[in-house]
Amino acid sequence: MAPSVKEVLWFIGRSSKRIAVTVIGGAVVAGGLAMLVLPGPGILVVALGFAILGTEYAWAASALERTKRTAGRAGRAAKGAVRSASGRIRRRPPTDGPPTVA
């Protein structure tokens, strides 16, 4: 029995959406990975790429959850490092006037 026209159109539509999501999501993840070593918000872009891929793939949705947990741990570590470093920084006393040039 041959598939109906409606079934063929549905298959083409579904497949093209999945291909487009895969290409766009993969490109965003690749750009985010590059931004981990280049200037830019790398971890956020990787998370965005996994969110795009997660609309079609279950493995990407779980990778997005892992990325969120990792980003949270990195944020807490950075916040702790800033707090411990700020306690070691000496504050300069305020000056009364403009700096003088010798």
PDB file of N, CA and C in Angstrom:
ATOM      1  N   MET A   1       0.847  -1.172   0.000  1.00  0.00           N
ATOM      2  CA  MET A   1       0.000   0.000   0.000  1.00  0.00           C
ATOM      3  C   MET A   1       0.892   1.234   0.000  1.00  0.00           C
ATOM      4  N   ALA A   2       0.689   2.132  -0.910  1.00  0.00           N
ATOM      5  CA  ALA A   2       1.494   3.349  -1.056  1.00  0.00           C
ATOM      6  C   ALA A   2       1.036   4.392  -0.042  1.00  0.00           C
ATOM      7  N   PRO A   3       1.976   5.182   0.473  1.00  0.00           N
ATOM      8  CA  PRO A   3       1.574   6.236   1.417  1.00  0.00           C
ATOM      9  C   PRO A   3       0.779   7.327   0.708  1.00  0.00           C
ATOM     10  N   SER A   4      -0.075   7.963   1.477  1.00  0.00           N
ATOM     11  CA  SER A   4      -0.889   9.039   0.905  1.00  0.00           C
ATOM     12  C   SER A   4      -0.048  10.306   0.757  1.00  0.00           C
ATOM     13  N   VAL A   5      -0.558  11.243   0.007  1.00  0.00           N
ATOM     14  CA  VAL A   5       0.133  12.516  -0.202  1.00  0.00           C
ATOM     15  C   VAL A   5       0.300  13.239   1.125  1.00  0.00           C
ATOM     16  N   LYS A   6      -0.722  13.172   1.949  1.00  0.00           N
ATOM     17  CA  LYS A   6      -0.665  13.832   3.258  1.00  0.00           C
ATOM     18  C   LYS A   6       0.465  13.253   4.107  1.00  0.00           C
ATOM     19  N   GLU A   7       0.624  11.925   4.093  1.00  0.00           N
ATOM     20  CA  GLU A   7       1.684  11.291   4.868  1.00  0.00           C
ATOM     21  C   GLU A   7       3.065  11.676   4.343  1.00  0.00           C
ATOM     22  N   VAL A   8       3.215  11.758   3.035  1.00  0.00           N
ATOM     23  CA  VAL A   8       4.494  12.138   2.434  1.00  0.00           C
ATOM     24  C   VAL A   8       4.845  13.573   2.797  1.00  0.00           C
ATOM     25  N   LEU A   9       3.878  14.478   2.700  1.00  0.00           N
ATOM     26  CA  LEU A   9       4.117  15.886   3.057  1.00  0.00           C
ATOM     27  C   LEU A   9       4.453  16.026   4.535  1.00  0.00           C
ATOM     28  N   TRP A  10       3.769  15.269   5.383  1.00  0.00           N
ATOM     29  CA  TRP A  10       4.062  15.323   6.816  1.00  0.00           C
ATOM     30  C   TRP A  10       5.497  14.854   7.077  1.00  0.00           C
ATOM     31  N   PHE A  11       5.917  13.766   6.414  1.00  0.00           N
ATOM     32  CA  PHE A  11       7.270  13.248   6.607  1.00  0.00           C
ATOM     33  C   PHE A  11       8.320  14.257   6.147  1.00  0.00           C
ATOM     34  N   ILE A  12       8.095  14.873   5.011  1.00  0.00           N
ATOM     35  CA  ILE A  12       9.043  15.871   4.502  1.00  0.00           C
ATOM     36  C   ILE A  12       9.106  17.069   5.442  1.00  0.00           C
ATOM     37  N   GLY A  13       7.952  17.525   5.893  1.00  0.00           N
ATOM     38  CA  GLY A  13       7.923  18.666   6.824  1.00  0.00           C
ATOM     39  C   GLY A  13       8.619  18.359   8.128  1.00  0.00           C
ATOM     40  N   ARG A  14       8.358  17.197   8.663  1.00  0.00           N
ATOM     41  CA  ARG A  14       8.977  16.814   9.937  1.00  0.00           C
ATOM     42  C   ARG A  14      10.492  16.645   9.779  1.00  0.00           C
ATOM     43  N   SER A  15      10.916  16.014   8.714  1.00  0.00           N
ATOM     44  CA  SER A  15      12.339  15.789   8.504  1.00  0.00           C
ATOM     45  C   SER A  15      13.085  17.101   8.263  1.00  0.00           C
ATOM     46  N   SER A  16      12.482  18.008   7.501  1.00  0.00           N
ATOM     47  CA  SER A  16      13.168  19.275   7.225  1.00  0.00           C
ATOM     48  C   SER A  16      13.303  20.105   8.499  1.00  0.00           C
ATOM     49  N   LYS A  17      12.307  20.042   9.368  1.00  0.00           N
ATOM     50  CA  LYS A  17      12.404  20.761  10.642  1.00  0.00           C
ATOM     51  C   LYS A  17      13.540  20.184  11.484  1.00  0.00           C
ATOM     52  N   ARG A  18      13.620  18.864  11.535  1.00  0.00           N
ATOM     53  CA  ARG A  18      14.663  18.228  12.339  1.00  0.00           C
ATOM     54  C   ARG A  18      16.053  18.546  11.781  1.00  0.00           C
ATOM     55  N   ILE A  19      16.192  18.549  10.468  1.00  0.00           N
ATOM     56  CA  ILE A  19      17.474  18.885   9.853  1.00  0.00           C
ATOM     57  C   ILE A  19      17.853  20.333  10.157  1.00  0.00           C
ATOM     58  N   ALA A  20      16.879  21.236  10.034  1.00  0.00           N
ATOM     59  CA  ALA A  20      17.155  22.651  10.308  1.00  0.00           C
ATOM     60  C   ALA A  20      17.551  22.860  11.770  1.00  0.00           C
ATOM     61  N   VAL A  21      16.847  22.214  12.695  1.00  0.00           N
ATOM     62  CA  VAL A  21      17.178  22.332  14.121  1.00  0.00           C
ATOM     63  C   VAL A  21      18.568  21.774  14.389  1.00  0.00           C
ATOM     64  N   THR A  22      18.905  20.663  13.748  1.00  0.00           N
ATOM     65  CA  THR A  22      20.220  20.053  13.944  1.00  0.00           C
ATOM     66  C   THR A  22      21.334  20.961  13.446  1.00  0.00           C
ATOM     67  N   VAL A  23      21.157  21.525  12.258  1.00  0.00           N
ATOM     68  CA  VAL A  23      22.203  22.387  11.685  1.00  0.00           C
ATOM     69  C   VAL A  23      22.359  23.662  12.500  1.00  0.00           C
ATOM     70  N   ILE A  24      21.247  24.315  12.813  1.00  0.00           N
ATOM     71  CA  ILE A  24      21.314  25.582  13.557  1.00  0.00           C
ATOM     72  C   ILE A  24      21.834  25.346  14.973  1.00  0.00           C
ATOM     73  N   GLY A  25      21.301  24.347  15.659  1.00  0.00           N
ATOM     74  CA  GLY A  25      21.748  24.056  17.021  1.00  0.00           C
ATOM     75  C   GLY A  25      23.207  23.657  17.073  1.00  0.00           C
ATOM     76  N   GLY A  26      23.648  22.848  16.105  1.00  0.00           N
ATOM     77  CA  GLY A  26      25.053  22.449  16.053  1.00  0.00           C
ATOM     78  C   GLY A  26      25.969  23.630  15.802  1.00  0.00           C
ATOM     79  N   ALA A  27      25.549  24.537  14.934  1.00  0.00           N
ATOM     80  CA  ALA A  27      26.358  25.731  14.663  1.00  0.00           C
ATOM     81  C   ALA A  27      26.462  26.619  15.894  1.00  0.00           C
ATOM     82  N   VAL A  28      25.363  26.751  16.631  1.00  0.00           N
ATOM     83  CA  VAL A  28      25.388  27.579  17.845  1.00  0.00           C
ATOM     84  C   VAL A  28      26.282  26.945  18.905  1.00  0.00           C
ATOM     85  N   VAL A  29      26.192  25.627  19.074  1.00  0.00           N
ATOM     86  CA  VAL A  29      27.069  24.941  20.039  1.00  0.00           C
ATOM     87  C   VAL A  29      28.532  25.094  19.632  1.00  0.00           C
ATOM     88  N   ALA A  30      28.834  24.923  18.347  1.00  0.00           N
ATOM     89  CA  ALA A  30      30.214  25.064  17.876  1.00  0.00           C
ATOM     90  C   ALA A  30      30.719  26.487  18.106  1.00  0.00           C
ATOM     91  N   GLY A  31      29.872  27.469  17.858  1.00  0.00           N
ATOM     92  CA  GLY A  31      30.269  28.851  18.130  1.00  0.00           C
ATOM     93  C   GLY A  31      30.518  29.084  19.608  1.00  0.00           C
ATOM     94  N   GLY A  32      29.692  28.509  20.454  1.00  0.00           N
ATOM     95  CA  GLY A  32      29.878  28.639  21.895  1.00  0.00           C
ATOM     96  C   GLY A  32      31.153  27.974  22.376  1.00  0.00           C
ATOM     97  N   LEU A  33      31.475  26.803  21.802  1.00  0.00           N
ATOM     98  CA  LEU A  33      32.723  26.143  22.175  1.00  0.00           C
ATOM     99  C   LEU A  33      33.918  26.980  21.766  1.00  0.00           C
ATOM    100  N   ALA A  34      33.833  27.627  20.612  1.00  0.00           N
ATOM    101  CA  ALA A  34      34.917  28.514  20.183  1.00  0.00           C
ATOM    102  C   ALA A  34      35.039  29.698  21.142  1.00  0.00           C
ATOM    103  N   MET A  35      33.894  30.192  21.625  1.00  0.00           N
ATOM    104  CA  MET A  35      33.915  31.336  22.539  1.00  0.00           C
ATOM    105  C   MET A  35      34.455  30.982  23.922  1.00  0.00           C
ATOM    106  N   LEU A  36      34.594  29.705  24.219  1.00  0.00           N
ATOM    107  CA  LEU A  36      35.203  29.348  25.495  1.00  0.00           C
ATOM    108  C   LEU A  36      36.668  29.757  25.537  1.00  0.00           C
ATOM    109  N   VAL A  37      37.316  29.792  24.372  1.00  0.00           N
ATOM    110  CA  VAL A  37      38.714  30.208  24.317  1.00  0.00           C
ATOM    111  C   VAL A  37      38.882  31.570  23.660  1.00  0.00           C
ATOM    112  N   LEU A  38      37.861  32.049  22.981  1.00  0.00           N
ATOM    113  CA  LEU A  38      37.862  33.370  22.359  1.00  0.00           C
ATOM    114  C   LEU A  38      36.978  34.297  23.185  1.00  0.00           C
ATOM    115  N   PRO A  39      37.044  35.597  22.939  1.00  0.00           N
ATOM    116  CA  PRO A  39      36.175  36.504  23.681  1.00  0.00           C
ATOM    117  C   PRO A  39      34.697  36.250  23.358  1.00  0.00           C
ATOM    118  N   GLY A  40      33.900  36.228  24.377  1.00  0.00           N
ATOM    119  CA  GLY A  40      32.469  36.046  24.192  1.00  0.00           C
ATOM    120  C   GLY A  40      31.872  35.213  25.312  1.00  0.00           C
ATOM    121  N   PRO A  41      30.557  35.197  25.393  1.00  0.00           N
ATOM    122  CA  PRO A  41      29.867  34.449  26.458  1.00  0.00           C
ATOM    123  C   PRO A  41      29.713  32.978  26.080  1.00  0.00           C
ATOM    124  N   GLY A  42      30.795  32.227  26.101  1.00  0.00           N
ATOM    125  CA  GLY A  42      30.815  30.861  25.599  1.00  0.00           C
ATOM    126  C   GLY A  42      29.818  29.929  26.231  1.00  0.00           C
ATOM    127  N   ILE A  43      29.780  29.860  27.555  1.00  0.00           N
ATOM    128  CA  ILE A  43      28.908  28.894  28.224  1.00  0.00           C
ATOM    129  C   ILE A  43      27.438  29.219  27.961  1.00  0.00           C
ATOM    130  N   LEU A  44      27.112  30.499  27.848  1.00  0.00           N
ATOM    131  CA  LEU A  44      25.725  30.872  27.553  1.00  0.00           C
ATOM    132  C   LEU A  44      25.327  30.462  26.140  1.00  0.00           C
ATOM    133  N   VAL A  45      26.245  30.612  25.198  1.00  0.00           N
ATOM    134  CA  VAL A  45      25.948  30.241  23.813  1.00  0.00           C
ATOM    135  C   VAL A  45      25.853  28.723  23.682  1.00  0.00           C
ATOM    136  N   VAL A  46      26.699  27.985  24.385  1.00  0.00           N
ATOM    137  CA  VAL A  46      26.595  26.527  24.381  1.00  0.00           C
ATOM    138  C   VAL A  46      25.246  26.103  24.956  1.00  0.00           C
ATOM    139  N   ALA A  47      24.831  26.718  26.043  1.00  0.00           N
ATOM    140  CA  ALA A  47      23.529  26.405  26.638  1.00  0.00           C
ATOM    141  C   ALA A  47      22.399  26.722  25.661  1.00  0.00           C
ATOM    142  N   LEU A  48      22.502  27.826  24.946  1.00  0.00           N
ATOM    143  CA  LEU A  48      21.491  28.169  23.951  1.00  0.00           C
ATOM    144  C   LEU A  48      21.451  27.123  22.839  1.00  0.00           C
ATOM    145  N   GLY A  49      22.599  26.665  22.390  1.00  0.00           N
ATOM    146  CA  GLY A  49      22.652  25.629  21.358  1.00  0.00           C
ATOM    147  C   GLY A  49      22.020  24.330  21.828  1.00  0.00           C
ATOM    148  N   PHE A  50      22.292  23.947  23.074  1.00  0.00           N
ATOM    149  CA  PHE A  50      21.671  22.741  23.612  1.00  0.00           C
ATOM    150  C   PHE A  50      20.171  22.921  23.779  1.00  0.00           C
ATOM    151  N   ALA A  51      19.728  24.132  24.097  1.00  0.00           N
ATOM    152  CA  ALA A  51      18.295  24.387  24.193  1.00  0.00           C
ATOM    153  C   ALA A  51      17.627  24.236  22.828  1.00  0.00           C
ATOM    154  N   ILE A  52      18.286  24.705  21.786  1.00  0.00           N
ATOM    155  CA  ILE A  52      17.756  24.541  20.427  1.00  0.00           C
ATOM    156  C   ILE A  52      17.711  23.064  20.058  1.00  0.00           C
ATOM    157  N   LEU A  53      18.806  22.361  20.281  1.00  0.00           N
ATOM    158  CA  LEU A  53      18.848  20.938  19.959  1.00  0.00           C
ATOM    159  C   LEU A  53      17.891  20.127  20.831  1.00  0.00           C
ATOM    160  N   GLY A  54      17.666  20.579  22.055  1.00  0.00           N
ATOM    161  CA  GLY A  54      16.784  19.880  22.979  1.00  0.00           C
ATOM    162  C   GLY A  54      15.331  19.853  22.535  1.00  0.00           C
ATOM    163  N   THR A  55      14.958  20.714  21.584  1.00  0.00           N
ATOM    164  CA  THR A  55      13.591  20.663  21.069  1.00  0.00           C
ATOM    165  C   THR A  55      13.362  19.419  20.219  1.00  0.00           C
ATOM    166  N   GLU A  56      14.429  18.785  19.746  1.00  0.00           N
ATOM    167  CA  GLU A  56      14.300  17.595  18.899  1.00  0.00           C
ATOM    168  C   GLU A  56      14.961  16.352  19.483  1.00  0.00           C
ATOM    169  N   TYR A  57      15.956  16.522  20.346  1.00  0.00           N
ATOM    170  CA  TYR A  57      16.733  15.386  20.836  1.00  0.00           C
ATOM    171  C   TYR A  57      16.734  15.354  22.366  1.00  0.00           C
ATOM    172  N   ALA A  58      16.457  14.177  22.919  1.00  0.00           N
ATOM    173  CA  ALA A  58      16.449  14.021  24.381  1.00  0.00           C
ATOM    174  C   ALA A  58      17.860  14.153  24.949  1.00  0.00           C
ATOM    175  N   TRP A  59      18.888  13.651  24.226  1.00  0.00           N
ATOM    176  CA  TRP A  59      20.257  13.745  24.726  1.00  0.00           C
ATOM    177  C   TRP A  59      20.682  15.202  24.871  1.00  0.00           C
ATOM    178  N   ALA A  60      20.195  16.076  23.998  1.00  0.00           N
ATOM    179  CA  ALA A  60      20.561  17.488  24.087  1.00  0.00           C
ATOM    180  C   ALA A  60      19.879  18.147  25.284  1.00  0.00           C
ATOM    181  N   ALA A  61      18.667  17.716  25.587  1.00  0.00           N
ATOM    182  CA  ALA A  61      17.974  18.265  26.754  1.00  0.00           C
ATOM    183  C   ALA A  61      18.724  17.897  28.039  1.00  0.00           C
ATOM    184  N   SER A  62      19.233  16.656  28.110  1.00  0.00           N
ATOM    185  CA  SER A  62      20.001  16.277  29.298  1.00  0.00           C
ATOM    186  C   SER A  62      21.353  16.991  29.324  1.00  0.00           C
ATOM    187  N   ALA A  63      21.950  17.223  28.161  1.00  0.00           N
ATOM    188  CA  ALA A  63      23.207  17.980  28.105  1.00  0.00           C
ATOM    189  C   ALA A  63      22.983  19.417  28.557  1.00  0.00           C
ATOM    190  N   LEU A  64      21.823  19.978  28.230  1.00  0.00           N
ATOM    191  CA  LEU A  64      21.486  21.330  28.690  1.00  0.00           C
ATOM    192  C   LEU A  64      21.407  21.370  30.213  1.00  0.00           C
ATOM    193  N   GLU A  65      20.812  20.366  30.820  1.00  0.00           N
ATOM    194  CA  GLU A  65      20.742  20.326  32.286  1.00  0.00           C
ATOM    195  C   GLU A  65      22.128  20.229  32.900  1.00  0.00           C
ATOM    196  N   ARG A  66      23.003  19.393  32.308  1.00  0.00           N
ATOM    197  CA  ARG A  66      24.390  19.304  32.797  1.00  0.00           C
ATOM    198  C   ARG A  66      25.110  20.633  32.639  1.00  0.00           C
ATOM    199  N   THR A  67      24.873  21.315  31.530  1.00  0.00           N
ATOM    200  CA  THR A  67      25.512  22.617  31.290  1.00  0.00           C
ATOM    201  C   THR A  67      25.039  23.633  32.323  1.00  0.00           C
ATOM    202  N   LYS A  68      23.759  23.617  32.649  1.00  0.00           N
ATOM    203  CA  LYS A  68      23.238  24.536  33.668  1.00  0.00           C
ATOM    204  C   LYS A  68      23.885  24.275  35.023  1.00  0.00           C
ATOM    205  N   ARG A  69      24.015  22.989  35.375  1.00  0.00           N
ATOM    206  CA  ARG A  69      24.652  22.667  36.662  1.00  0.00           C
ATOM    207  C   ARG A  69      26.112  23.111  36.677  1.00  0.00           C
ATOM    208  N   THR A  70      26.835  22.870  35.594  1.00  0.00           N
ATOM    209  CA  THR A  70      28.237  23.262  35.513  1.00  0.00           C
ATOM    210  C   THR A  70      28.385  24.775  35.589  1.00  0.00           C
ATOM    211  N   ALA A  71      27.508  25.499  34.888  1.00  0.00           N
ATOM    212  CA  ALA A  71      27.561  26.964  34.928  1.00  0.00           C
ATOM    213  C   ALA A  71      27.269  27.475  36.341  1.00  0.00           C
ATOM    214  N   GLY A  72      26.350  26.836  37.029  1.00  0.00           N
ATOM    215  CA  GLY A  72      26.055  27.234  38.410  1.00  0.00           C
ATOM    216  C   GLY A  72      27.245  27.024  39.327  1.00  0.00           C
ATOM    217  N   ARG A  73      27.912  25.880  39.175  1.00  0.00           N
ATOM    218  CA  ARG A  73      29.109  25.623  39.992  1.00  0.00           C
ATOM    219  C   ARG A  73      30.214  26.620  39.672  1.00  0.00           C
ATOM    220  N   ALA A  74      30.400  26.933  38.396  1.00  0.00           N
ATOM    221  CA  ALA A  74      31.432  27.900  38.007  1.00  0.00           C
ATOM    222  C   ALA A  74      31.112  29.280  38.563  1.00  0.00           C
ATOM    223  N   GLY A  75      29.850  29.658  38.546  1.00  0.00           N
ATOM    224  CA  GLY A  75      29.449  30.950  39.098  1.00  0.00           C
ATOM    225  C   GLY A  75      29.684  31.027  40.593  1.00  0.00           C
ATOM    226  N   ARG A  76      29.344  29.956  41.294  1.00  0.00           N
ATOM    227  CA  ARG A  76      29.586  29.944  42.747  1.00  0.00           C
ATOM    228  C   ARG A  76      31.073  29.982  43.055  1.00  0.00           C
ATOM    229  N   ALA A  77      31.896  29.276  42.286  1.00  0.00           N
ATOM    230  CA  ALA A  77      33.349  29.293  42.504  1.00  0.00           C
ATOM    231  C   ALA A  77      33.914  30.681  42.239  1.00  0.00           C
ATOM    232  N   ALA A  78      33.443  31.333  41.194  1.00  0.00           N
ATOM    233  CA  ALA A  78      33.920  32.684  40.884  1.00  0.00           C
ATOM    234  C   ALA A  78      33.506  33.664  41.970  1.00  0.00           C
ATOM    235  N   LYS A  79      32.289  33.528  42.452  1.00  0.00           N
ATOM    236  CA  LYS A  79      31.810  34.422  43.511  1.00  0.00           C
ATOM    237  C   LYS A  79      32.632  34.225  44.786  1.00  0.00           C
ATOM    238  N   GLY A  80      32.952  32.976  45.106  1.00  0.00           N
ATOM    239  CA  GLY A  80      33.787  32.709  46.275  1.00  0.00           C
ATOM    240  C   GLY A  80      35.189  33.255  46.117  1.00  0.00           C
ATOM    241  N   ALA A  81      35.744  33.157  44.924  1.00  0.00           N
ATOM    242  CA  ALA A  81      37.089  33.683  44.678  1.00  0.00           C
ATOM    243  C   ALA A  81      37.095  35.199  44.806  1.00  0.00           C
ATOM    244  N   VAL A  82      36.063  35.857  44.326  1.00  0.00           N
ATOM    245  CA  VAL A  82      35.989  37.314  44.445  1.00  0.00           C
ATOM    246  C   VAL A  82      35.866  37.722  45.901  1.00  0.00           C
ATOM    247  N   ARG A  83      35.062  36.991  46.644  1.00  0.00           N
ATOM    248  CA  ARG A  83      34.903  37.324  48.069  1.00  0.00           C
ATOM    249  C   ARG A  83      36.208  37.146  48.836  1.00  0.00           C
ATOM    250  N   SER A  84      36.926  36.056  48.563  1.00  0.00           N
ATOM    251  CA  SER A  84      38.173  35.842  49.301  1.00  0.00           C
ATOM    252  C   SER A  84      39.250  36.827  48.854  1.00  0.00           C
ATOM    253  N   ALA A  85      39.253  37.193  47.588  1.00  0.00           N
ATOM    254  CA  ALA A  85      40.256  38.155  47.105  1.00  0.00           C
ATOM    255  C   ALA A  85      39.952  39.557  47.607  1.00  0.00           C
ATOM    256  N   SER A  86      38.685  39.901  47.731  1.00  0.00           N
ATOM    257  CA  SER A  86      38.347  41.256  48.170  1.00  0.00           C
ATOM    258  C   SER A  86      38.746  41.482  49.626  1.00  0.00           C
ATOM    259  N   GLY A  87      38.857  40.436  50.401  1.00  0.00           N
ATOM    260  CA  GLY A  87      39.298  40.583  51.778  1.00  0.00           C
ATOM    261  C   GLY A  87      40.790  40.841  51.880  1.00  0.00           C
ATOM    262  N   ARG A  88      41.545  40.520  50.840  1.00  0.00           N
ATOM    263  CA  ARG A  88      42.994  40.705  50.855  1.00  0.00           C
ATOM    264  C   ARG A  88      43.438  41.986  50.185  1.00  0.00           C
ATOM    265  N   ILE A  89      42.531  42.709  49.593  1.00  0.00           N
ATOM    266  CA  ILE A  89      42.890  43.947  48.900  1.00  0.00           C
ATOM    267  C   ILE A  89      42.880  45.092  49.901  1.00  0.00           C
ATOM    268  N   ARG A  90      43.980  45.853  49.899  1.00  0.00           N
ATOM    269  CA  ARG A  90      44.030  47.012  50.791  1.00  0.00           C
ATOM    270  C   ARG A  90      43.359  48.182  50.123  1.00  0.00           C
ATOM    271  N   ARG A  91      42.604  48.897  50.890  1.00  0.00           N
ATOM    272  CA  ARG A  91      41.924  50.082  50.376  1.00  0.00           C
ATOM    273  C   ARG A  91      42.833  51.287  50.593  1.00  0.00           C
ATOM    274  N   ARG A  92      42.914  52.159  49.600  1.00  0.00           N
ATOM    275  CA  ARG A  92      43.704  53.379  49.727  1.00  0.00           C
ATOM    276  C   ARG A  92      42.873  54.427  50.450  1.00  0.00           C
ATOM    277  N   PRO A  93      43.520  55.204  51.288  1.00  0.00           N
ATOM    278  CA  PRO A  93      42.769  56.277  51.954  1.00  0.00           C
ATOM    279  C   PRO A  93      42.412  57.348  50.921  1.00  0.00           C
ATOM    280  N   PRO A  94      41.274  57.972  51.078  1.00  0.00           N
ATOM    281  CA  PRO A  94      40.877  59.018  50.118  1.00  0.00           C
ATOM    282  C   PRO A  94      41.816  60.214  50.212  1.00  0.00           C
ATOM    283  N   THR A  95      42.039  60.837  49.086  1.00  0.00           N
ATOM    284  CA  THR A  95      42.873  62.057  49.051  1.00  0.00           C
ATOM    285  C   THR A  95      41.960  63.273  49.064  1.00  0.00           C
ATOM    286  N   ASP A  96      42.518  64.414  49.538  1.00  0.00           N
ATOM    287  CA  ASP A  96      41.710  65.629  49.637  1.00  0.00           C
ATOM    288  C   ASP A  96      41.645  66.391  48.323  1.00  0.00           C
ATOM    289  N   GLY A  97      42.635  66.304  47.522  1.00  0.00           N
ATOM    290  CA  GLY A  97      42.664  67.109  46.297  1.00  0.00           C
ATOM    291  C   GLY A  97      43.098  66.287  45.104  1.00  0.00           C
ATOM    292  N   PRO A  98      43.301  66.970  44.024  1.00  0.00           N
ATOM    293  CA  PRO A  98      43.746  66.262  42.818  1.00  0.00           C
ATOM    294  C   PRO A  98      45.165  65.755  42.998  1.00  0.00           C
ATOM    295  N   PRO A  99      45.541  64.731  42.291  1.00  0.00           N
ATOM    296  CA  PRO A  99      46.919  64.204  42.445  1.00  0.00           C
ATOM    297  C   PRO A  99      47.934  65.224  41.918  1.00  0.00           C
ATOM    298  N   THR A 100      49.070  65.242  42.597  1.00  0.00           N
ATOM    299  CA  THR A 100      50.119  66.163  42.188  1.00  0.00           C
ATOM    300  C   THR A 100      51.142  65.428  41.341  1.00  0.00           C
ATOM    301  N   VAL A 101      51.692  66.131  40.376  1.00  0.00           N
ATOM    302  CA  VAL A 101      52.699  65.548  39.487  1.00  0.00           C
ATOM    303  C   VAL A 101      54.054  66.076  39.939  1.00  0.00           C
ATOM    304  N   ALA A 102      54.988  65.203  40.162  1.00  0.00           N
ATOM    305  CA  ALA A 102      56.303  65.618  40.648  1.00  0.00           C
ATOM    306  C   ALA A 102      57.273  65.871  39.524  1.00  0.00           C
TER     307      ALA A 102
END
